[in-house]
Amino acid sequence: MHAITNSGWIEVVTGSMFSGKTEEVLRRLRRAEIAGQEIAVFKPAVDDRYGETTVGSHVGRQWDASVVPSEGDGIWEIREQLNGEDVVAVDEANFFGPELVAVCQRLADDGRRVLVSGIDQTYRGEPFEPLPQLMAVAEYVDKLQAICSQCGEPATRNQRLVGGEPAHVDDPTIVVGAEESYEARCRNCHTLRRD
């Protein structure tokens, strides 16, 4: 809680895959833990890459998390599961529906520090809701960059690969994966199949 205004706030950590978003949130959670703050961490049911109840980074760091439904009113379970925690973290926000924005707003209004991470663009290079909405209402936004797997420049895009080739523009938006399905790419090296 801010000392002067006695209010909570929202922090968004976003960027492309492999840019260190979850690692940054885990760093902030470790600092909150050292400060003696109570912490609650949540993740979407659809993401089980690092274990069913674990938030994990690509470099192997982890934190125990509660799983909540990705869509609809189930997201409000976040508020129902809280027991007075000061800090609430939500990982992989891009897998949640638009209801997440209202949930985060309410948590901040209740005086909590809300940490949210997720990718801000689809594999097509389009805004990936609800991250753009969360970025608009957040007090703090950090957009991280990865390194382009093709040219080494700063990467802001997610290149989905199917059989080692760029995904087709009409493929599904959400496909859970990591190095086997995605690469970080810069604007210039990012491509989509349109044939």
N, C-alpha and C. Protein backbone atom coordinates (compact mmCIF):
# COMPACT_ATOMS: atom_id res chain seq x y z
N MET A 1 0.85 -1.18 0.00
CA MET A 1 0.00 0.00 0.00
C MET A 1 0.89 1.24 0.00
N HIS A 2 0.53 2.20 -0.84
CA HIS A 2 1.26 3.47 -0.85
C HIS A 2 1.07 4.15 0.51
N ALA A 3 2.16 4.61 1.10
CA ALA A 3 2.11 5.20 2.44
C ALA A 3 1.31 6.49 2.49
N ILE A 4 1.43 7.34 1.47
CA ILE A 4 0.76 8.64 1.50
C ILE A 4 -0.72 8.51 1.16
N THR A 5 -1.04 7.79 0.07
CA THR A 5 -2.42 7.72 -0.39
C THR A 5 -3.21 6.55 0.21
N ASN A 6 -2.51 5.65 0.91
CA ASN A 6 -3.15 4.45 1.46
C ASN A 6 -3.92 3.67 0.40
N SER A 7 -3.33 3.56 -0.78
CA SER A 7 -4.00 2.84 -1.86
C SER A 7 -3.09 1.75 -2.42
N GLY A 8 -3.72 0.80 -3.08
CA GLY A 8 -2.98 -0.23 -3.78
C GLY A 8 -2.64 0.24 -5.18
N TRP A 9 -2.05 -0.66 -5.95
CA TRP A 9 -1.69 -0.32 -7.32
C TRP A 9 -1.51 -1.58 -8.14
N ILE A 10 -1.41 -1.38 -9.46
CA ILE A 10 -1.20 -2.48 -10.39
C ILE A 10 0.14 -2.26 -11.09
N GLU A 11 0.95 -3.32 -11.13
CA GLU A 11 2.21 -3.33 -11.87
C GLU A 11 2.07 -4.38 -12.97
N VAL A 12 2.37 -4.01 -14.21
CA VAL A 12 2.33 -4.94 -15.32
C VAL A 12 3.75 -5.14 -15.85
N VAL A 13 4.14 -6.40 -15.98
CA VAL A 13 5.41 -6.76 -16.59
C VAL A 13 5.06 -7.52 -17.86
N THR A 14 5.41 -6.96 -19.00
CA THR A 14 5.01 -7.54 -20.27
C THR A 14 6.18 -7.56 -21.25
N GLY A 15 5.93 -8.12 -22.41
CA GLY A 15 6.94 -8.23 -23.45
C GLY A 15 6.77 -9.55 -24.18
N SER A 16 7.72 -9.86 -25.04
CA SER A 16 7.63 -11.09 -25.81
C SER A 16 8.00 -12.30 -24.95
N MET A 17 7.78 -13.47 -25.50
CA MET A 17 8.25 -14.68 -24.83
C MET A 17 9.77 -14.61 -24.72
N PHE A 18 10.30 -15.23 -23.66
CA PHE A 18 11.74 -15.31 -23.40
C PHE A 18 12.38 -13.96 -23.08
N SER A 19 11.55 -12.99 -22.66
CA SER A 19 12.09 -11.68 -22.30
C SER A 19 12.34 -11.53 -20.81
N GLY A 20 11.97 -12.53 -20.01
CA GLY A 20 12.22 -12.47 -18.57
C GLY A 20 11.08 -11.94 -17.74
N LYS A 21 9.84 -11.97 -18.25
CA LYS A 21 8.69 -11.44 -17.52
C LYS A 21 8.46 -12.16 -16.19
N THR A 22 8.33 -13.48 -16.27
CA THR A 22 8.07 -14.24 -15.05
C THR A 22 9.26 -14.15 -14.10
N GLU A 23 10.46 -14.17 -14.63
CA GLU A 23 11.66 -14.02 -13.80
C GLU A 23 11.62 -12.70 -13.04
N GLU A 24 11.18 -11.63 -13.70
CA GLU A 24 11.08 -10.32 -13.04
C GLU A 24 10.01 -10.33 -11.95
N VAL A 25 8.87 -10.96 -12.23
CA VAL A 25 7.83 -11.04 -11.20
C VAL A 25 8.32 -11.87 -10.02
N LEU A 26 9.01 -12.97 -10.27
CA LEU A 26 9.54 -13.79 -9.18
C LEU A 26 10.56 -13.00 -8.36
N ARG A 27 11.36 -12.17 -9.02
CA ARG A 27 12.30 -11.30 -8.30
C ARG A 27 11.57 -10.35 -7.36
N ARG A 28 10.50 -9.75 -7.87
CA ARG A 28 9.71 -8.82 -7.05
C ARG A 28 9.03 -9.56 -5.90
N LEU A 29 8.57 -10.78 -6.15
CA LEU A 29 7.95 -11.56 -5.08
C LEU A 29 8.97 -11.91 -3.99
N ARG A 30 10.19 -12.26 -4.39
CA ARG A 30 11.23 -12.56 -3.40
C ARG A 30 11.51 -11.34 -2.53
N ARG A 31 11.53 -10.15 -3.13
CA ARG A 31 11.76 -8.93 -2.36
C ARG A 31 10.60 -8.65 -1.40
N ALA A 32 9.37 -8.91 -1.86
CA ALA A 32 8.21 -8.73 -0.98
C ALA A 32 8.26 -9.72 0.18
N GLU A 33 8.70 -10.93 -0.10
CA GLU A 33 8.84 -11.95 0.95
C GLU A 33 9.89 -11.53 1.98
N ILE A 34 11.01 -11.01 1.51
CA ILE A 34 12.07 -10.53 2.41
C ILE A 34 11.54 -9.40 3.29
N ALA A 35 10.65 -8.58 2.72
CA ALA A 35 10.06 -7.46 3.47
C ALA A 35 8.97 -7.91 4.43
N GLY A 36 8.69 -9.21 4.47
CA GLY A 36 7.69 -9.72 5.40
C GLY A 36 6.25 -9.54 4.94
N GLN A 37 6.05 -9.30 3.66
CA GLN A 37 4.69 -9.13 3.14
C GLN A 37 4.08 -10.49 2.82
N GLU A 38 2.79 -10.59 3.03
CA GLU A 38 2.04 -11.81 2.69
C GLU A 38 1.76 -11.81 1.19
N ILE A 39 1.94 -12.95 0.55
CA ILE A 39 1.88 -13.04 -0.91
C ILE A 39 0.93 -14.15 -1.34
N ALA A 40 0.16 -13.88 -2.39
CA ALA A 40 -0.67 -14.90 -3.04
C ALA A 40 -0.36 -14.85 -4.53
N VAL A 41 -0.14 -16.02 -5.13
CA VAL A 41 0.20 -16.10 -6.55
C VAL A 41 -0.83 -16.98 -7.25
N PHE A 42 -1.25 -16.52 -8.44
CA PHE A 42 -2.27 -17.24 -9.21
C PHE A 42 -1.81 -17.45 -10.64
N LYS A 43 -2.30 -18.53 -11.22
CA LYS A 43 -1.99 -18.84 -12.61
C LYS A 43 -3.23 -19.44 -13.27
N PRO A 44 -3.31 -19.36 -14.61
CA PRO A 44 -4.47 -19.91 -15.30
C PRO A 44 -4.41 -21.44 -15.38
N ALA A 45 -5.56 -22.06 -15.35
CA ALA A 45 -5.65 -23.51 -15.41
C ALA A 45 -5.05 -24.07 -16.70
N VAL A 46 -5.09 -23.31 -17.77
CA VAL A 46 -4.63 -23.80 -19.07
C VAL A 46 -3.11 -23.97 -19.15
N ASP A 47 -2.35 -23.32 -18.28
CA ASP A 47 -0.89 -23.35 -18.36
C ASP A 47 -0.30 -24.31 -17.33
N ASP A 48 0.12 -25.48 -17.80
CA ASP A 48 0.73 -26.46 -16.90
C ASP A 48 2.17 -26.79 -17.29
N ARG A 49 2.84 -25.88 -17.97
CA ARG A 49 4.20 -26.13 -18.46
C ARG A 49 5.20 -26.41 -17.35
N TYR A 50 5.06 -25.77 -16.20
CA TYR A 50 6.04 -25.94 -15.12
C TYR A 50 5.43 -26.65 -13.92
N GLY A 51 4.35 -27.36 -14.14
CA GLY A 51 3.64 -28.03 -13.07
C GLY A 51 2.28 -27.42 -12.89
N GLU A 52 1.39 -28.22 -12.38
CA GLU A 52 0.00 -27.78 -12.28
C GLU A 52 -0.19 -26.59 -11.34
N THR A 53 0.56 -26.54 -10.24
CA THR A 53 0.39 -25.46 -9.26
C THR A 53 1.69 -24.69 -9.06
N THR A 54 2.42 -24.48 -10.14
CA THR A 54 3.70 -23.79 -10.06
C THR A 54 3.81 -22.73 -11.15
N VAL A 55 4.25 -21.55 -10.76
CA VAL A 55 4.64 -20.53 -11.71
C VAL A 55 6.14 -20.71 -11.91
N GLY A 56 6.56 -20.83 -13.16
CA GLY A 56 7.97 -21.07 -13.42
C GLY A 56 8.49 -20.21 -14.54
N SER A 57 9.79 -19.96 -14.49
CA SER A 57 10.45 -19.21 -15.56
C SER A 57 11.20 -20.18 -16.44
N HIS A 58 11.59 -19.73 -17.63
CA HIS A 58 12.33 -20.57 -18.56
C HIS A 58 13.71 -20.95 -18.02
N VAL A 59 14.21 -20.19 -17.02
CA VAL A 59 15.52 -20.51 -16.46
C VAL A 59 15.42 -21.39 -15.21
N GLY A 60 14.22 -21.82 -14.86
CA GLY A 60 14.06 -22.81 -13.81
C GLY A 60 13.60 -22.32 -12.45
N ARG A 61 13.45 -21.03 -12.25
CA ARG A 61 12.97 -20.56 -10.94
C ARG A 61 11.46 -20.77 -10.86
N GLN A 62 10.98 -21.04 -9.63
CA GLN A 62 9.56 -21.38 -9.46
C GLN A 62 8.98 -20.77 -8.19
N TRP A 63 7.63 -20.73 -8.17
CA TRP A 63 6.90 -20.27 -6.99
C TRP A 63 5.58 -21.02 -6.98
N ASP A 64 5.15 -21.46 -5.81
CA ASP A 64 3.87 -22.15 -5.71
C ASP A 64 2.73 -21.18 -6.02
N ALA A 65 1.72 -21.69 -6.71
CA ALA A 65 0.61 -20.83 -7.14
C ALA A 65 -0.71 -21.58 -7.02
N SER A 66 -1.78 -20.82 -6.89
CA SER A 66 -3.13 -21.37 -6.95
C SER A 66 -3.62 -21.27 -8.38
N VAL A 67 -4.36 -22.26 -8.80
CA VAL A 67 -4.87 -22.31 -10.17
C VAL A 67 -6.30 -21.78 -10.18
N VAL A 68 -6.60 -20.91 -11.15
CA VAL A 68 -7.96 -20.38 -11.30
C VAL A 68 -8.41 -20.54 -12.75
N PRO A 69 -9.71 -20.63 -12.96
CA PRO A 69 -10.23 -20.75 -14.33
C PRO A 69 -9.81 -19.55 -15.17
N SER A 70 -9.60 -19.79 -16.45
CA SER A 70 -9.12 -18.75 -17.35
C SER A 70 -10.20 -17.81 -17.85
N GLU A 71 -11.42 -18.27 -17.89
CA GLU A 71 -12.50 -17.48 -18.51
C GLU A 71 -13.66 -17.25 -17.55
N GLY A 72 -14.44 -16.24 -17.86
CA GLY A 72 -15.71 -16.00 -17.19
C GLY A 72 -15.58 -15.63 -15.73
N ASP A 73 -16.64 -15.92 -14.99
CA ASP A 73 -16.72 -15.52 -13.58
C ASP A 73 -15.74 -16.27 -12.68
N GLY A 74 -15.18 -17.39 -13.17
CA GLY A 74 -14.23 -18.15 -12.37
C GLY A 74 -13.02 -17.36 -11.95
N ILE A 75 -12.66 -16.34 -12.71
CA ILE A 75 -11.50 -15.51 -12.39
C ILE A 75 -11.69 -14.79 -11.05
N TRP A 76 -12.96 -14.57 -10.67
CA TRP A 76 -13.22 -13.90 -9.39
C TRP A 76 -12.83 -14.78 -8.21
N GLU A 77 -12.51 -16.06 -8.45
CA GLU A 77 -12.02 -16.93 -7.38
C GLU A 77 -10.76 -16.37 -6.75
N ILE A 78 -10.03 -15.55 -7.49
CA ILE A 78 -8.83 -14.93 -6.93
C ILE A 78 -9.19 -14.19 -5.65
N ARG A 79 -10.21 -13.37 -5.70
CA ARG A 79 -10.61 -12.60 -4.51
C ARG A 79 -11.10 -13.51 -3.41
N GLU A 80 -11.82 -14.58 -3.79
CA GLU A 80 -12.37 -15.50 -2.80
C GLU A 80 -11.29 -16.29 -2.08
N GLN A 81 -10.14 -16.49 -2.72
CA GLN A 81 -9.07 -17.29 -2.13
C GLN A 81 -8.11 -16.47 -1.26
N LEU A 82 -8.27 -15.18 -1.24
CA LEU A 82 -7.34 -14.34 -0.48
C LEU A 82 -7.66 -14.36 1.01
N ASN A 83 -6.58 -14.24 1.81
CA ASN A 83 -6.70 -14.20 3.27
C ASN A 83 -5.92 -13.01 3.81
N GLY A 84 -6.12 -11.85 3.22
CA GLY A 84 -5.46 -10.64 3.69
C GLY A 84 -4.08 -10.40 3.14
N GLU A 85 -3.68 -11.11 2.08
CA GLU A 85 -2.34 -10.91 1.52
C GLU A 85 -2.17 -9.47 1.00
N ASP A 86 -0.93 -8.98 1.17
CA ASP A 86 -0.58 -7.63 0.73
C ASP A 86 -0.29 -7.58 -0.76
N VAL A 87 0.30 -8.67 -1.28
CA VAL A 87 0.76 -8.73 -2.67
C VAL A 87 0.05 -9.88 -3.36
N VAL A 88 -0.53 -9.58 -4.53
CA VAL A 88 -1.21 -10.60 -5.33
C VAL A 88 -0.57 -10.59 -6.72
N ALA A 89 -0.08 -11.76 -7.13
CA ALA A 89 0.55 -11.87 -8.45
C ALA A 89 -0.30 -12.77 -9.34
N VAL A 90 -0.40 -12.38 -10.62
CA VAL A 90 -1.11 -13.17 -11.62
C VAL A 90 -0.16 -13.36 -12.79
N ASP A 91 0.18 -14.62 -13.06
CA ASP A 91 1.10 -14.93 -14.15
C ASP A 91 0.32 -15.33 -15.39
N GLU A 92 0.92 -15.13 -16.55
CA GLU A 92 0.32 -15.50 -17.84
C GLU A 92 -1.07 -14.88 -18.02
N ALA A 93 -1.15 -13.59 -17.80
CA ALA A 93 -2.41 -12.86 -17.91
C ALA A 93 -3.04 -12.97 -19.29
N ASN A 94 -2.21 -13.22 -20.31
CA ASN A 94 -2.73 -13.33 -21.67
C ASN A 94 -3.64 -14.54 -21.85
N PHE A 95 -3.63 -15.49 -20.90
CA PHE A 95 -4.51 -16.65 -20.97
C PHE A 95 -5.85 -16.41 -20.27
N PHE A 96 -6.02 -15.23 -19.67
CA PHE A 96 -7.27 -14.90 -18.99
C PHE A 96 -8.16 -14.04 -19.89
N GLY A 97 -9.44 -14.04 -19.58
CA GLY A 97 -10.38 -13.22 -20.32
C GLY A 97 -10.38 -11.79 -19.82
N PRO A 98 -11.23 -10.95 -20.40
CA PRO A 98 -11.27 -9.53 -20.05
C PRO A 98 -11.68 -9.26 -18.60
N GLU A 99 -12.29 -10.23 -17.94
CA GLU A 99 -12.69 -10.07 -16.54
C GLU A 99 -11.50 -9.81 -15.63
N LEU A 100 -10.30 -10.24 -16.06
CA LEU A 100 -9.11 -10.05 -15.23
C LEU A 100 -8.86 -8.58 -14.93
N VAL A 101 -9.20 -7.69 -15.84
CA VAL A 101 -8.98 -6.26 -15.63
C VAL A 101 -9.78 -5.78 -14.42
N ALA A 102 -11.05 -6.15 -14.36
CA ALA A 102 -11.90 -5.74 -13.23
C ALA A 102 -11.41 -6.36 -11.93
N VAL A 103 -10.97 -7.60 -11.96
CA VAL A 103 -10.46 -8.26 -10.76
C VAL A 103 -9.23 -7.51 -10.24
N CYS A 104 -8.30 -7.19 -11.12
CA CYS A 104 -7.09 -6.48 -10.71
C CYS A 104 -7.42 -5.08 -10.19
N GLN A 105 -8.35 -4.41 -10.84
CA GLN A 105 -8.78 -3.08 -10.37
C GLN A 105 -9.33 -3.17 -8.95
N ARG A 106 -10.18 -4.17 -8.71
CA ARG A 106 -10.78 -4.34 -7.38
C ARG A 106 -9.72 -4.65 -6.33
N LEU A 107 -8.76 -5.50 -6.68
CA LEU A 107 -7.69 -5.84 -5.73
C LEU A 107 -6.87 -4.60 -5.37
N ALA A 108 -6.54 -3.78 -6.37
CA ALA A 108 -5.81 -2.55 -6.10
C ALA A 108 -6.65 -1.58 -5.28
N ASP A 109 -7.95 -1.49 -5.59
CA ASP A 109 -8.85 -0.63 -4.81
C ASP A 109 -8.93 -1.07 -3.36
N ASP A 110 -8.72 -2.37 -3.12
CA ASP A 110 -8.73 -2.92 -1.76
C ASP A 110 -7.42 -2.67 -1.03
N GLY A 111 -6.46 -1.98 -1.69
CA GLY A 111 -5.21 -1.64 -1.04
C GLY A 111 -4.07 -2.60 -1.29
N ARG A 112 -4.21 -3.47 -2.26
CA ARG A 112 -3.18 -4.47 -2.53
C ARG A 112 -2.24 -4.04 -3.66
N ARG A 113 -1.04 -4.56 -3.60
CA ARG A 113 -0.08 -4.44 -4.71
C ARG A 113 -0.38 -5.62 -5.63
N VAL A 114 -0.70 -5.34 -6.88
CA VAL A 114 -1.07 -6.38 -7.84
C VAL A 114 0.00 -6.46 -8.92
N LEU A 115 0.66 -7.61 -9.00
CA LEU A 115 1.70 -7.85 -10.01
C LEU A 115 1.10 -8.74 -11.10
N VAL A 116 1.18 -8.29 -12.34
CA VAL A 116 0.61 -9.05 -13.45
C VAL A 116 1.68 -9.21 -14.52
N SER A 117 1.81 -10.44 -15.05
CA SER A 117 2.74 -10.62 -16.16
C SER A 117 2.05 -11.37 -17.30
N GLY A 118 2.52 -11.12 -18.50
CA GLY A 118 1.98 -11.80 -19.67
C GLY A 118 2.47 -11.14 -20.95
N ILE A 119 2.31 -11.86 -22.06
CA ILE A 119 2.73 -11.30 -23.34
C ILE A 119 1.68 -10.32 -23.85
N ASP A 120 2.13 -9.27 -24.50
CA ASP A 120 1.24 -8.21 -24.94
C ASP A 120 0.86 -8.32 -26.41
N GLN A 121 1.47 -9.27 -27.14
CA GLN A 121 1.16 -9.45 -28.56
C GLN A 121 0.93 -10.92 -28.86
N THR A 122 -0.01 -11.19 -29.76
CA THR A 122 -0.21 -12.54 -30.24
C THR A 122 0.94 -12.91 -31.18
N TYR A 123 0.97 -14.15 -31.63
CA TYR A 123 2.01 -14.55 -32.58
C TYR A 123 1.86 -13.81 -33.91
N ARG A 124 0.70 -13.18 -34.13
CA ARG A 124 0.48 -12.38 -35.34
C ARG A 124 1.03 -10.96 -35.21
N GLY A 125 1.46 -10.59 -34.01
CA GLY A 125 1.93 -9.23 -33.76
C GLY A 125 0.81 -8.27 -33.44
N GLU A 126 -0.34 -8.81 -33.03
CA GLU A 126 -1.51 -7.99 -32.67
C GLU A 126 -1.62 -7.88 -31.15
N PRO A 127 -2.29 -6.83 -30.64
CA PRO A 127 -2.49 -6.72 -29.19
C PRO A 127 -3.17 -7.97 -28.64
N PHE A 128 -2.68 -8.46 -27.51
CA PHE A 128 -3.17 -9.69 -26.89
C PHE A 128 -3.90 -9.32 -25.60
N GLU A 129 -5.21 -9.22 -25.70
CA GLU A 129 -6.01 -8.87 -24.53
C GLU A 129 -5.91 -9.99 -23.49
N PRO A 130 -5.99 -9.64 -22.22
CA PRO A 130 -6.34 -8.34 -21.67
C PRO A 130 -5.15 -7.44 -21.34
N LEU A 131 -3.94 -7.80 -21.80
CA LEU A 131 -2.75 -7.02 -21.43
C LEU A 131 -2.84 -5.54 -21.82
N PRO A 132 -3.28 -5.19 -23.04
CA PRO A 132 -3.38 -3.75 -23.35
C PRO A 132 -4.30 -2.99 -22.39
N GLN A 133 -5.40 -3.61 -21.98
CA GLN A 133 -6.30 -2.97 -21.02
C GLN A 133 -5.64 -2.83 -19.66
N LEU A 134 -4.94 -3.88 -19.23
CA LEU A 134 -4.25 -3.82 -17.94
C LEU A 134 -3.15 -2.76 -17.96
N MET A 135 -2.43 -2.65 -19.07
CA MET A 135 -1.38 -1.64 -19.18
C MET A 135 -1.98 -0.23 -19.08
N ALA A 136 -3.18 -0.06 -19.60
CA ALA A 136 -3.82 1.26 -19.58
C ALA A 136 -4.22 1.69 -18.17
N VAL A 137 -4.60 0.73 -17.32
CA VAL A 137 -5.07 1.09 -15.98
C VAL A 137 -4.00 0.93 -14.91
N ALA A 138 -2.84 0.38 -15.26
CA ALA A 138 -1.77 0.14 -14.29
C ALA A 138 -1.03 1.42 -13.93
N GLU A 139 -0.56 1.46 -12.69
CA GLU A 139 0.29 2.57 -12.27
C GLU A 139 1.71 2.41 -12.79
N TYR A 140 2.16 1.17 -12.95
CA TYR A 140 3.53 0.90 -13.39
C TYR A 140 3.51 -0.16 -14.49
N VAL A 141 4.24 0.09 -15.58
CA VAL A 141 4.33 -0.86 -16.69
C VAL A 141 5.80 -0.99 -17.10
N ASP A 142 6.25 -2.23 -17.17
CA ASP A 142 7.59 -2.52 -17.68
C ASP A 142 7.44 -3.45 -18.87
N LYS A 143 7.92 -2.99 -20.04
CA LYS A 143 7.90 -3.82 -21.24
C LYS A 143 9.32 -4.30 -21.50
N LEU A 144 9.50 -5.61 -21.37
CA LEU A 144 10.82 -6.21 -21.52
C LEU A 144 11.01 -6.72 -22.95
N GLN A 145 12.26 -6.82 -23.34
CA GLN A 145 12.58 -7.33 -24.67
C GLN A 145 13.46 -8.56 -24.53
N ALA A 146 13.31 -9.47 -25.48
CA ALA A 146 14.18 -10.63 -25.58
C ALA A 146 15.24 -10.32 -26.63
N ILE A 147 15.95 -11.34 -27.06
CA ILE A 147 16.92 -11.22 -28.14
C ILE A 147 16.39 -12.00 -29.33
N CYS A 148 16.38 -11.38 -30.49
CA CYS A 148 15.88 -12.03 -31.70
C CYS A 148 16.72 -13.26 -32.01
N SER A 149 16.03 -14.39 -32.20
CA SER A 149 16.73 -15.65 -32.47
C SER A 149 17.36 -15.68 -33.86
N GLN A 150 16.99 -14.73 -34.71
CA GLN A 150 17.51 -14.70 -36.07
C GLN A 150 18.69 -13.74 -36.25
N CYS A 151 18.56 -12.53 -35.72
CA CYS A 151 19.58 -11.51 -36.00
C CYS A 151 20.28 -10.95 -34.76
N GLY A 152 19.77 -11.26 -33.56
CA GLY A 152 20.41 -10.77 -32.34
C GLY A 152 19.98 -9.40 -31.88
N GLU A 153 19.09 -8.74 -32.62
CA GLU A 153 18.57 -7.43 -32.22
C GLU A 153 17.54 -7.60 -31.09
N PRO A 154 17.12 -6.51 -30.43
CA PRO A 154 16.06 -6.63 -29.43
C PRO A 154 14.78 -7.18 -30.06
N ALA A 155 14.16 -8.13 -29.38
CA ALA A 155 12.96 -8.79 -29.90
C ALA A 155 11.73 -8.39 -29.10
N THR A 156 10.66 -8.07 -29.80
CA THR A 156 9.38 -7.71 -29.18
C THR A 156 8.24 -8.59 -29.67
N ARG A 157 8.51 -9.53 -30.56
CA ARG A 157 7.47 -10.37 -31.18
C ARG A 157 7.64 -11.84 -30.79
N ASN A 158 6.53 -12.57 -30.89
CA ASN A 158 6.51 -14.00 -30.63
C ASN A 158 6.34 -14.73 -31.96
N GLN A 159 7.36 -15.44 -32.38
CA GLN A 159 7.28 -16.20 -33.63
C GLN A 159 6.83 -17.61 -33.29
N ARG A 160 5.60 -17.96 -33.68
CA ARG A 160 5.15 -19.34 -33.49
C ARG A 160 5.67 -20.18 -34.64
N LEU A 161 6.14 -21.37 -34.31
CA LEU A 161 6.65 -22.30 -35.30
C LEU A 161 5.81 -23.57 -35.30
N VAL A 162 5.53 -24.08 -36.49
CA VAL A 162 4.84 -25.35 -36.67
C VAL A 162 5.73 -26.19 -37.57
N GLY A 163 6.28 -27.25 -37.01
CA GLY A 163 7.21 -28.06 -37.78
C GLY A 163 8.45 -27.29 -38.20
N GLY A 164 8.87 -26.33 -37.39
CA GLY A 164 10.06 -25.53 -37.70
C GLY A 164 9.82 -24.36 -38.63
N GLU A 165 8.59 -24.22 -39.13
CA GLU A 165 8.25 -23.13 -40.06
C GLU A 165 7.30 -22.14 -39.39
N PRO A 166 7.28 -20.87 -39.84
CA PRO A 166 6.34 -19.90 -39.27
C PRO A 166 4.89 -20.38 -39.37
N ALA A 167 4.13 -20.11 -38.32
CA ALA A 167 2.72 -20.48 -38.28
C ALA A 167 1.93 -19.70 -39.33
N HIS A 168 0.80 -20.25 -39.71
CA HIS A 168 -0.09 -19.59 -40.66
C HIS A 168 -0.90 -18.53 -39.92
N VAL A 169 -1.21 -17.46 -40.59
CA VAL A 169 -1.94 -16.35 -40.01
C VAL A 169 -3.31 -16.78 -39.46
N ASP A 170 -3.87 -17.86 -39.98
CA ASP A 170 -5.19 -18.33 -39.53
C ASP A 170 -5.13 -19.39 -38.45
N ASP A 171 -3.94 -19.74 -37.95
CA ASP A 171 -3.83 -20.73 -36.88
C ASP A 171 -4.45 -20.17 -35.60
N PRO A 172 -4.77 -21.05 -34.63
CA PRO A 172 -5.37 -20.59 -33.37
C PRO A 172 -4.46 -19.59 -32.65
N THR A 173 -5.06 -18.66 -31.96
CA THR A 173 -4.29 -17.64 -31.25
C THR A 173 -3.56 -18.24 -30.05
N ILE A 174 -4.23 -19.09 -29.29
CA ILE A 174 -3.62 -19.63 -28.08
C ILE A 174 -3.17 -21.06 -28.29
N VAL A 175 -1.86 -21.25 -28.18
CA VAL A 175 -1.23 -22.57 -28.18
C VAL A 175 -0.16 -22.51 -27.10
N VAL A 176 -0.36 -23.27 -26.01
CA VAL A 176 0.59 -23.24 -24.90
C VAL A 176 1.85 -23.97 -25.33
N GLY A 177 2.99 -23.32 -25.13
CA GLY A 177 4.26 -23.94 -25.51
C GLY A 177 5.43 -23.09 -25.07
N ALA A 178 6.62 -23.58 -25.40
CA ALA A 178 7.85 -22.85 -25.08
C ALA A 178 8.79 -22.95 -26.27
N GLU A 179 10.05 -23.32 -26.02
CA GLU A 179 11.06 -23.33 -27.08
C GLU A 179 10.70 -24.22 -28.27
N GLU A 180 9.90 -25.26 -28.03
CA GLU A 180 9.54 -26.16 -29.12
C GLU A 180 8.54 -25.53 -30.09
N SER A 181 7.85 -24.47 -29.66
CA SER A 181 6.80 -23.87 -30.49
C SER A 181 7.00 -22.39 -30.78
N TYR A 182 7.92 -21.74 -30.08
CA TYR A 182 8.05 -20.29 -30.22
C TYR A 182 9.51 -19.85 -30.24
N GLU A 183 9.75 -18.72 -30.87
CA GLU A 183 11.02 -18.00 -30.81
C GLU A 183 10.71 -16.53 -30.60
N ALA A 184 11.63 -15.82 -29.96
CA ALA A 184 11.54 -14.36 -29.88
C ALA A 184 12.15 -13.80 -31.16
N ARG A 185 11.45 -12.83 -31.74
CA ARG A 185 11.95 -12.21 -32.97
C ARG A 185 11.72 -10.70 -32.94
N CYS A 186 12.55 -10.00 -33.70
CA CYS A 186 12.35 -8.56 -33.88
C CYS A 186 11.28 -8.35 -34.96
N ARG A 187 10.85 -7.13 -35.12
CA ARG A 187 9.84 -6.80 -36.12
C ARG A 187 10.28 -7.25 -37.52
N ASN A 188 11.54 -7.03 -37.84
CA ASN A 188 12.04 -7.33 -39.17
C ASN A 188 12.10 -8.82 -39.47
N CYS A 189 12.40 -9.64 -38.47
CA CYS A 189 12.55 -11.08 -38.69
C CYS A 189 11.26 -11.87 -38.44
N HIS A 190 10.25 -11.22 -37.89
CA HIS A 190 8.97 -11.89 -37.61
C HIS A 190 8.20 -12.11 -38.91
N THR A 191 7.72 -13.33 -39.14
CA THR A 191 6.97 -13.63 -40.37
C THR A 191 5.76 -14.49 -40.06
N LEU A 192 4.80 -14.45 -40.97
CA LEU A 192 3.58 -15.29 -40.92
C LEU A 192 3.38 -15.92 -42.28
N ARG A 193 2.95 -17.16 -42.27
CA ARG A 193 2.57 -17.80 -43.53
C ARG A 193 1.17 -17.33 -43.89
N ARG A 194 0.98 -16.98 -45.13
CA ARG A 194 -0.33 -16.52 -45.60
C ARG A 194 -0.85 -17.35 -46.76
N ASP A 195 -0.11 -18.40 -47.17
CA ASP A 195 -0.53 -19.22 -48.32
C ASP A 195 -1.53 -20.29 -47.93
